[in-house]
Amino acid sequence: MTSGDSESHRMQSDMWWEVLEVPKDATPEQVRAAYKAKSRVCHPDKGGTADDFTRLQNAYEGATRDPAEPAPQAAPRPPQPAMKAPSVARRTTAELARKATVLNRLENEIQSLKRKRAALDVQLDNAYERYKTMGGGCPPIYASPAALADNE
């Protein structure tokens, strides 16, 4: 243990006694009584904050720990299972059939819209050709269908 480590440990132990509000030479019974009294005030269910209660618990554990024992180490976290991509094999046949039906319906709708657009393009081309044959130059941008019918 280096001198920096012992100094850090000493500062922590000084803080334990301050948090518990007992003298450094307090007996284990006095430490326990102070912990119980303060935990009634600091507990989150009794109006305290979780941070204050955790600080009180750490102080109690530090003050009651045998100095010859090494400080407890945090338990290592268990490894997290890897996320798996959804497997096609896990999907039911009914689910796959529903998705295929939806895809077919969308494909049919796309084909129908393409046919409608092609028909509108033909109508637009025919209207433009009729306008040109009437001797007009460039057709007006906002010509109403009634105005075009009057020119025929």
C-alpha atoms as a PDB file:
ATOM      1  CA  MET A   1       0.000   0.000   0.000  1.00  0.00           C
ATOM      2  CA  THR A   2       1.465   3.360  -0.993  1.00  0.00           C
ATOM      3  CA  SER A   3       1.284   6.466   1.155  1.00  0.00           C
ATOM      4  CA  GLY A   4      -1.335   7.924  -1.196  1.00  0.00           C
ATOM      5  CA  ASP A   5      -3.541   4.855  -0.691  1.00  0.00           C
ATOM      6  CA  SER A   6      -3.302   5.038   3.102  1.00  0.00           C
ATOM      7  CA  GLU A   7      -4.073   8.772   3.032  1.00  0.00           C
ATOM      8  CA  SER A   8      -7.134   8.131   0.832  1.00  0.00           C
ATOM      9  CA  HIS A   9      -8.280   5.361   3.192  1.00  0.00           C
ATOM     10  CA  ARG A  10      -7.796   7.648   6.200  1.00  0.00           C
ATOM     11  CA  MET A  11      -9.859  10.418   4.565  1.00  0.00           C
ATOM     12  CA  GLN A  12     -12.617   7.940   3.818  1.00  0.00           C
ATOM     13  CA  SER A  13     -12.643   6.665   7.386  1.00  0.00           C
ATOM     14  CA  ASP A  14     -12.790  10.266   8.697  1.00  0.00           C
ATOM     15  CA  MET A  15     -15.830  10.778   6.499  1.00  0.00           C
ATOM     16  CA  TRP A  16     -17.521   7.639   7.885  1.00  0.00           C
ATOM     17  CA  TRP A  17     -17.561   9.058  11.406  1.00  0.00           C
ATOM     18  CA  GLU A  18     -18.820  12.425  10.181  1.00  0.00           C
ATOM     19  CA  VAL A  19     -21.663  10.851   8.217  1.00  0.00           C
ATOM     20  CA  LEU A  20     -22.656   8.679  11.175  1.00  0.00           C
ATOM     21  CA  GLU A  21     -22.128  11.622  13.591  1.00  0.00           C
ATOM     22  CA  VAL A  22     -20.266   9.516  16.162  1.00  0.00           C
ATOM     23  CA  PRO A  23     -16.769   9.952  17.642  1.00  0.00           C
ATOM     24  CA  LYS A  24     -13.939   7.903  16.137  1.00  0.00           C
ATOM     25  CA  ASP A  25     -13.626   5.884  19.345  1.00  0.00           C
ATOM     26  CA  ALA A  26     -17.319   4.910  19.343  1.00  0.00           C
ATOM     27  CA  THR A  27     -18.188   1.306  20.187  1.00  0.00           C
ATOM     28  CA  PRO A  28     -19.813  -0.939  17.574  1.00  0.00           C
ATOM     29  CA  GLU A  29     -23.102  -0.636  19.492  1.00  0.00           C
ATOM     30  CA  GLN A  30     -22.940   3.170  19.330  1.00  0.00           C
ATOM     31  CA  VAL A  31     -22.156   3.027  15.596  1.00  0.00           C
ATOM     32  CA  ARG A  32     -25.085   0.655  15.049  1.00  0.00           C
ATOM     33  CA  ALA A  33     -27.467   2.834  17.076  1.00  0.00           C
ATOM     34  CA  ALA A  34     -26.371   5.956  15.160  1.00  0.00           C
ATOM     35  CA  TYR A  35     -26.827   4.115  11.853  1.00  0.00           C
ATOM     36  CA  LYS A  36     -30.342   2.969  12.788  1.00  0.00           C
ATOM     37  CA  ALA A  37     -31.360   6.454  13.933  1.00  0.00           C
ATOM     38  CA  LYS A  38     -30.005   8.161  10.805  1.00  0.00           C
ATOM     39  CA  SER A  39     -31.437   5.492   8.484  1.00  0.00           C
ATOM     40  CA  ARG A  40     -34.919   6.315   9.782  1.00  0.00           C
ATOM     41  CA  VAL A  41     -34.396   9.878   8.541  1.00  0.00           C
ATOM     42  CA  CYS A  42     -32.300   9.248   5.394  1.00  0.00           C
ATOM     43  CA  HIS A  43     -34.261   6.322   3.933  1.00  0.00           C
ATOM     44  CA  PRO A  44     -35.979   7.243   0.640  1.00  0.00           C
ATOM     45  CA  ASP A  45     -39.290   5.845   1.927  1.00  0.00           C
ATOM     46  CA  LYS A  46     -39.045   8.206   4.901  1.00  0.00           C
ATOM     47  CA  GLY A  47     -38.374  11.360   2.870  1.00  0.00           C
ATOM     48  CA  GLY A  48     -34.596  11.091   2.388  1.00  0.00           C
ATOM     49  CA  THR A  49     -32.746  10.789  -0.897  1.00  0.00           C
ATOM     50  CA  ALA A  50     -31.268   7.616  -2.345  1.00  0.00           C
ATOM     51  CA  ASP A  51     -27.823   9.259  -2.485  1.00  0.00           C
ATOM     52  CA  ASP A  52     -27.883  10.179   1.208  1.00  0.00           C
ATOM     53  CA  PHE A  53     -29.028   6.695   2.182  1.00  0.00           C
ATOM     54  CA  THR A  54     -26.324   5.038   0.045  1.00  0.00           C
ATOM     55  CA  ARG A  55     -23.726   7.317   1.616  1.00  0.00           C
ATOM     56  CA  LEU A  56     -24.982   6.340   5.094  1.00  0.00           C
ATOM     57  CA  GLN A  57     -24.842   2.625   4.225  1.00  0.00           C
ATOM     58  CA  ASN A  58     -21.292   2.947   2.890  1.00  0.00           C
ATOM     59  CA  ALA A  59     -20.231   4.808   6.039  1.00  0.00           C
ATOM     60  CA  TYR A  60     -21.757   2.111   8.286  1.00  0.00           C
ATOM     61  CA  GLU A  61     -20.091  -0.687   6.314  1.00  0.00           C
ATOM     62  CA  GLY A  62     -16.755   1.123   6.420  1.00  0.00           C
ATOM     63  CA  ALA A  63     -16.981   1.903  10.122  1.00  0.00           C
ATOM     64  CA  THR A  64     -17.933  -1.654  11.107  1.00  0.00           C
ATOM     65  CA  ARG A  65     -15.538  -3.471   8.765  1.00  0.00           C
ATOM     66  CA  ASP A  66     -12.572  -5.226  10.322  1.00  0.00           C
ATOM     67  CA  PRO A  67      -9.476  -3.144   9.428  1.00  0.00           C
ATOM     68  CA  ALA A  68      -7.449  -6.325   8.872  1.00  0.00           C
ATOM     69  CA  GLU A  69      -9.843  -7.432   6.119  1.00  0.00           C
ATOM     70  CA  PRO A  70      -9.321  -6.071   2.619  1.00  0.00           C
ATOM     71  CA  ALA A  71     -12.012  -3.775   1.298  1.00  0.00           C
ATOM     72  CA  PRO A  72     -14.747  -5.657  -0.561  1.00  0.00           C
ATOM     73  CA  GLN A  73     -14.480  -5.498  -4.320  1.00  0.00           C
ATOM     74  CA  ALA A  74     -17.478  -4.896  -6.516  1.00  0.00           C
ATOM     75  CA  ALA A  75     -18.795  -8.101  -8.023  1.00  0.00           C
ATOM     76  CA  PRO A  76     -18.023  -8.392 -11.724  1.00  0.00           C
ATOM     77  CA  ARG A  77     -21.008  -7.855 -13.960  1.00  0.00           C
ATOM     78  CA  PRO A  78     -22.217 -10.947 -15.772  1.00  0.00           C
ATOM     79  CA  PRO A  79     -21.731 -10.801 -19.525  1.00  0.00           C
ATOM     80  CA  GLN A  80     -24.760  -9.558 -21.420  1.00  0.00           C
ATOM     81  CA  PRO A  81     -26.198 -11.943 -24.002  1.00  0.00           C
ATOM     82  CA  ALA A  82     -25.635 -10.848 -27.564  1.00  0.00           C
ATOM     83  CA  MET A  83     -28.660  -9.541 -29.407  1.00  0.00           C
ATOM     84  CA  LYS A  84     -29.831 -11.958 -32.054  1.00  0.00           C
ATOM     85  CA  ALA A  85     -31.346 -10.937 -35.334  1.00  0.00           C
ATOM     86  CA  PRO A  86     -34.870 -12.256 -35.811  1.00  0.00           C
ATOM     87  CA  SER A  87     -34.704 -15.558 -37.582  1.00  0.00           C
ATOM     88  CA  VAL A  88     -36.867 -16.231 -40.602  1.00  0.00           C
ATOM     89  CA  ALA A  89     -37.231 -19.798 -39.358  1.00  0.00           C
ATOM     90  CA  ARG A  90     -38.962 -18.551 -36.194  1.00  0.00           C
ATOM     91  CA  ARG A  91     -41.685 -16.815 -38.161  1.00  0.00           C
ATOM     92  CA  THR A  92     -44.865 -18.750 -38.604  1.00  0.00           C
ATOM     93  CA  THR A  93     -46.192 -19.686 -41.986  1.00  0.00           C
ATOM     94  CA  ALA A  94     -49.336 -17.680 -41.330  1.00  0.00           C
ATOM     95  CA  GLU A  95     -47.258 -14.575 -40.606  1.00  0.00           C
ATOM     96  CA  LEU A  96     -45.248 -15.055 -43.789  1.00  0.00           C
ATOM     97  CA  ALA A  97     -48.450 -15.587 -45.784  1.00  0.00           C
ATOM     98  CA  ARG A  98     -49.934 -12.331 -44.398  1.00  0.00           C
ATOM     99  CA  LYS A  99     -46.791 -10.429 -45.318  1.00  0.00           C
ATOM    100  CA  ALA A 100     -46.792 -11.930 -48.820  1.00  0.00           C
ATOM    101  CA  THR A 101     -50.445 -10.905 -49.260  1.00  0.00           C
ATOM    102  CA  VAL A 102     -49.658  -7.332 -48.215  1.00  0.00           C
ATOM    103  CA  LEU A 103     -46.679  -7.194 -50.575  1.00  0.00           C
ATOM    104  CA  ASN A 104     -48.773  -8.508 -53.477  1.00  0.00           C
ATOM    105  CA  ARG A 105     -51.492  -5.936 -52.779  1.00  0.00           C
ATOM    106  CA  LEU A 106     -48.909  -3.124 -52.747  1.00  0.00           C
ATOM    107  CA  GLU A 107     -47.342  -4.385 -55.975  1.00  0.00           C
ATOM    108  CA  ASN A 108     -50.772  -4.423 -57.675  1.00  0.00           C
ATOM    109  CA  GLU A 109     -51.476  -0.890 -56.441  1.00  0.00           C
ATOM    110  CA  ILE A 110     -48.145   0.343 -57.826  1.00  0.00           C
ATOM    111  CA  GLN A 111     -48.908  -1.236 -61.228  1.00  0.00           C
ATOM    112  CA  SER A 112     -52.378   0.340 -61.242  1.00  0.00           C
ATOM    113  CA  LEU A 113     -50.924   3.798 -60.483  1.00  0.00           C
ATOM    114  CA  LYS A 114     -48.376   3.380 -63.285  1.00  0.00           C
ATOM    115  CA  ARG A 115     -51.184   2.544 -65.746  1.00  0.00           C
ATOM    116  CA  LYS A 116     -53.202   5.586 -64.614  1.00  0.00           C
ATOM    117  CA  ARG A 117     -50.192   7.844 -65.023  1.00  0.00           C
ATOM    118  CA  ALA A 118     -49.549   6.508 -68.518  1.00  0.00           C
ATOM    119  CA  ALA A 119     -53.207   7.198 -69.445  1.00  0.00           C
ATOM    120  CA  LEU A 120     -52.944  10.758 -68.075  1.00  0.00           C
ATOM    121  CA  ASP A 121     -49.735  11.312 -70.049  1.00  0.00           C
ATOM    122  CA  VAL A 122     -51.568  10.246 -73.237  1.00  0.00           C
ATOM    123  CA  GLN A 123     -54.465  12.603 -72.466  1.00  0.00           C
ATOM    124  CA  LEU A 124     -52.044  15.464 -71.827  1.00  0.00           C
ATOM    125  CA  ASP A 125     -50.206  14.795 -75.094  1.00  0.00           C
ATOM    126  CA  ASN A 126     -53.523  14.709 -77.011  1.00  0.00           C
ATOM    127  CA  ALA A 127     -54.656  17.996 -75.439  1.00  0.00           C
ATOM    128  CA  TYR A 128     -51.358  19.654 -76.338  1.00  0.00           C
ATOM    129  CA  GLU A 129     -51.538  18.411 -79.921  1.00  0.00           C
ATOM    130  CA  ARG A 130     -55.107  19.783 -80.271  1.00  0.00           C
ATOM    131  CA  TYR A 131     -54.001  23.150 -78.941  1.00  0.00           C
ATOM    132  CA  LYS A 132     -51.110  23.278 -81.400  1.00  0.00           C
ATOM    133  CA  THR A 133     -53.404  22.478 -84.332  1.00  0.00           C
ATOM    134  CA  MET A 134     -55.640  25.410 -83.360  1.00  0.00           C
ATOM    135  CA  GLY A 135     -52.764  27.669 -84.299  1.00  0.00           C
ATOM    136  CA  GLY A 136     -51.725  28.626 -80.800  1.00  0.00           C
ATOM    137  CA  GLY A 137     -48.136  28.834 -79.791  1.00  0.00           C
ATOM    138  CA  CYS A 138     -47.254  27.737 -76.333  1.00  0.00           C
ATOM    139  CA  PRO A 139     -50.393  26.815 -74.350  1.00  0.00           C
ATOM    140  CA  PRO A 140     -51.251  28.989 -71.364  1.00  0.00           C
ATOM    141  CA  ILE A 141     -50.127  27.482 -68.097  1.00  0.00           C
ATOM    142  CA  TYR A 142     -53.439  27.871 -66.277  1.00  0.00           C
ATOM    143  CA  ALA A 143     -55.899  27.166 -69.082  1.00  0.00           C
ATOM    144  CA  SER A 144     -59.152  25.788 -67.779  1.00  0.00           C
ATOM    145  CA  PRO A 145     -60.725  22.761 -69.492  1.00  0.00           C
ATOM    146  CA  ALA A 146     -63.682  25.005 -70.458  1.00  0.00           C
ATOM    147  CA  ALA A 147     -61.324  27.470 -72.195  1.00  0.00           C
ATOM    148  CA  LEU A 148     -59.720  24.645 -74.143  1.00  0.00           C
ATOM    149  CA  ALA A 149     -63.182  23.297 -75.141  1.00  0.00           C
ATOM    150  CA  ASP A 150     -64.207  26.761 -76.434  1.00  0.00           C
ATOM    151  CA  ASN A 151     -61.224  26.821 -78.796  1.00  0.00           C
ATOM    152  CA  GLU A 152     -62.180  23.535 -80.465  1.00  0.00           C
END
